[in-house]
Protein backbone atom coordinates (compact mmCIF):
# COMPACT_ATOMS: atom_id res chain seq x y z
CA MET A 1 0.00 0.00 0.00
CA ARG A 2 1.27 3.43 -0.85
CA PHE A 3 0.18 6.82 0.39
CA VAL A 4 1.39 10.06 -1.16
CA ILE A 5 0.71 12.61 1.57
CA GLN A 6 0.59 16.34 0.96
CA CYS A 7 0.04 19.05 3.54
CA VAL A 8 -2.48 21.39 1.98
CA ARG A 9 -4.10 24.72 2.65
CA ASP A 10 -7.05 23.48 0.58
CA ALA A 11 -7.82 20.68 -1.85
CA LYS A 12 -10.74 19.39 -3.90
CA VAL A 13 -11.73 16.67 -6.32
CA THR A 14 -14.11 17.31 -9.19
CA LEU A 15 -15.64 15.20 -11.91
CA SER A 16 -16.76 16.31 -15.32
CA GLU A 17 -20.46 17.15 -15.58
CA GLU A 18 -20.98 13.91 -17.55
CA GLU A 19 -19.14 11.73 -15.01
CA ALA A 20 -20.98 13.37 -12.13
CA ALA A 21 -24.36 12.83 -13.78
CA ALA A 22 -23.51 9.19 -14.52
CA ALA A 23 -22.44 8.63 -10.91
CA GLY A 24 -25.40 10.58 -9.54
CA VAL A 25 -23.18 12.95 -7.56
CA SER A 26 -22.21 16.61 -7.51
CA PRO A 27 -19.23 17.54 -9.71
CA VAL A 28 -17.28 18.45 -6.54
CA THR A 29 -17.04 15.10 -4.77
CA GLY A 30 -14.71 16.17 -1.99
CA ALA A 31 -13.20 19.39 -0.69
CA ILE A 32 -11.23 20.29 2.42
CA ASP A 33 -9.56 23.30 3.88
CA HIS A 34 -6.40 22.82 5.95
CA GLY A 35 -5.21 19.22 6.23
CA MET A 36 -3.84 16.40 4.11
CA LEU A 37 -4.47 15.29 0.55
CA VAL A 38 -3.63 11.58 0.47
CA LEU A 39 -3.35 9.63 -2.77
CA VAL A 40 -3.97 5.96 -1.97
CA GLY A 41 -2.52 3.09 -3.98
CA VAL A 42 -3.42 -0.53 -3.26
CA THR A 43 -1.68 -3.68 -4.46
CA GLN A 44 -3.16 -7.18 -4.49
CA SER A 45 -1.23 -8.38 -1.43
CA ASP A 46 -2.54 -5.58 0.81
CA THR A 47 -4.87 -6.52 3.66
CA LYS A 48 -7.04 -4.82 6.26
CA GLU A 49 -4.18 -5.29 8.71
CA THR A 50 -1.87 -3.39 6.36
CA ALA A 51 -4.49 -0.66 6.06
CA ASP A 52 -4.89 -0.45 9.85
CA ARG A 53 -1.16 0.08 10.34
CA MET A 54 -0.96 2.64 7.53
CA VAL A 55 -3.93 4.60 8.91
CA ARG A 56 -2.48 4.61 12.44
CA LYS A 57 0.83 5.92 11.10
CA LEU A 58 -0.85 8.47 8.82
CA LEU A 59 -2.95 9.99 11.59
CA LYS A 60 0.01 10.21 13.97
CA LEU A 61 2.45 11.81 11.52
CA ARG A 62 3.77 15.03 13.02
CA ILE A 63 4.12 16.99 9.79
CA PHE A 64 2.46 20.31 10.62
CA GLU A 65 4.34 23.26 12.06
CA ASP A 66 4.07 24.27 15.70
CA ALA A 67 4.45 27.83 17.04
CA GLU A 68 8.24 27.60 16.63
CA GLY A 69 7.95 26.52 12.97
CA LYS A 70 8.98 22.91 13.64
CA THR A 71 7.08 19.98 12.13
CA ASN A 72 5.78 18.77 15.46
CA LEU A 73 1.98 18.56 15.16
CA ASP A 74 -0.28 15.83 13.80
CA LEU A 75 -3.55 16.22 11.92
CA ALA A 76 -5.71 16.27 15.06
CA ALA A 77 -3.52 18.90 16.74
CA VAL A 78 -4.11 21.34 13.87
CA GLY A 79 -7.79 20.45 13.42
CA GLY A 80 -7.08 19.29 9.88
CA ASP A 81 -9.18 17.26 7.48
CA LEU A 82 -8.37 14.47 5.00
CA LEU A 83 -9.07 14.23 1.30
CA LEU A 84 -8.49 10.61 0.24
CA VAL A 85 -8.17 9.88 -3.47
CA SER A 86 -7.69 6.38 -4.86
CA GLN A 87 -4.86 6.27 -7.41
CA PHE A 88 -3.86 2.94 -8.92
CA THR A 89 -1.05 4.61 -10.89
CA LEU A 90 1.03 4.71 -7.69
CA TYR A 91 1.89 1.11 -8.58
CA ALA A 92 3.03 1.88 -12.12
CA ASP A 93 6.17 0.07 -13.21
CA VAL A 94 8.24 2.12 -15.66
CA ARG A 95 11.40 -0.01 -15.69
CA LYS A 96 10.80 -1.41 -19.19
CA GLY A 97 9.98 0.67 -22.22
CA ASN A 98 8.05 3.92 -22.17
CA ARG A 99 4.56 2.69 -21.40
CA PRO A 100 3.86 2.06 -17.70
CA SER A 101 2.70 -1.36 -16.57
CA PHE A 102 0.02 -1.51 -13.88
CA VAL A 103 0.13 -5.23 -13.10
CA LYS A 104 1.17 -4.52 -9.49
CA ALA A 105 -1.97 -2.46 -8.82
CA GLY A 106 -4.69 -4.30 -6.94
CA ASP A 107 -7.66 -5.52 -8.93
CA PRO A 108 -10.51 -3.00 -8.78
CA ALA A 109 -12.79 -4.95 -6.41
CA HIS A 110 -9.97 -5.54 -3.90
CA ALA A 111 -8.65 -1.99 -4.17
CA GLN A 112 -12.10 -0.42 -3.80
CA ALA A 113 -12.88 -2.49 -0.72
CA LEU A 114 -9.60 -1.45 0.96
CA TYR A 115 -10.01 2.19 -0.09
CA GLN A 116 -13.45 2.20 1.54
CA TYR A 117 -12.03 0.46 4.61
CA ILE A 118 -9.32 3.14 4.91
CA THR A 119 -11.92 5.89 4.55
CA ASP A 120 -14.15 4.31 7.20
CA SER A 121 -11.19 3.75 9.54
CA CYS A 122 -10.15 7.40 9.36
CA ARG A 123 -13.73 8.53 9.98
CA ALA A 124 -13.94 6.18 12.97
CA GLN A 125 -10.99 8.10 14.46
CA GLY A 126 -13.08 11.28 14.34
CA VAL A 127 -11.40 12.78 11.27
CA LEU A 128 -13.46 14.66 8.68
CA VAL A 129 -12.79 12.69 5.49
CA GLU A 130 -13.72 13.73 1.97
CA THR A 131 -13.13 11.48 -1.04
CA GLY A 132 -13.02 11.21 -4.77
CA VAL A 133 -15.04 8.62 -6.69
CA PHE A 134 -13.29 5.27 -7.01
CA GLY A 135 -12.40 4.48 -10.61
CA ALA A 136 -13.61 7.80 -12.01
CA TYR A 137 -11.57 10.23 -14.07
CA MET A 138 -11.05 13.07 -11.60
CA HIS A 139 -9.52 16.51 -11.44
CA VAL A 140 -7.59 17.04 -8.22
CA SER A 141 -6.54 20.53 -7.24
CA MET A 142 -4.77 21.72 -4.14
CA THR A 143 -2.63 24.39 -2.60
CA ASN A 144 0.34 22.52 -1.17
CA GLU A 145 1.80 24.04 2.00
CA GLY A 146 5.57 24.03 2.23
CA PRO A 147 5.55 22.30 -0.20
CA PHE A 148 5.45 19.27 2.06
CA THR A 149 4.99 15.88 0.40
CA LEU A 150 5.78 12.41 1.78
CA ILE A 151 5.56 8.92 0.34
CA MET A 152 4.59 6.18 2.77
CA ASP A 153 5.01 2.61 1.49
CA SER A 154 3.84 -0.34 3.59
CA GLU A 155 6.54 -2.60 2.17
CA GLU A 156 9.29 -0.15 3.13
CA LEU A 157 7.74 0.14 6.61
CA GLY A 158 7.70 -3.64 7.00
CA TYR A 159 3.92 -3.89 7.07
């Protein structure tokens, strides 16, 4: 499982009018003010246990500045929100040729179930969570603070 985490002043996900109508949702599917935009990539070997560990780590990351300008505060300490966006391309393999391979990305049913599990887990911790639409073509916009961007990979963390 991979998370690309960005500290943001604001962020939102929109769909085209056609996509929104087809999905029966508003074109703006998720929007937050101060907090984190997290791109979520799932591979086939990921489990709920992996997701639990990643969510615990994500919510405890001290990546927001305190009064002295040091990255010492977590999401709860700054009253931040989460915008979670599923992104299978985080598992692109570009080692061969010029066209990425996505064979390491989790199959859609597995990935969608874990993405929903992650969303529900964050909400259960009392975090305001907004989302994109799984599998839809989305436009993601944000104002990155810092800029501050981290990549969290469950395999590198030993999860």
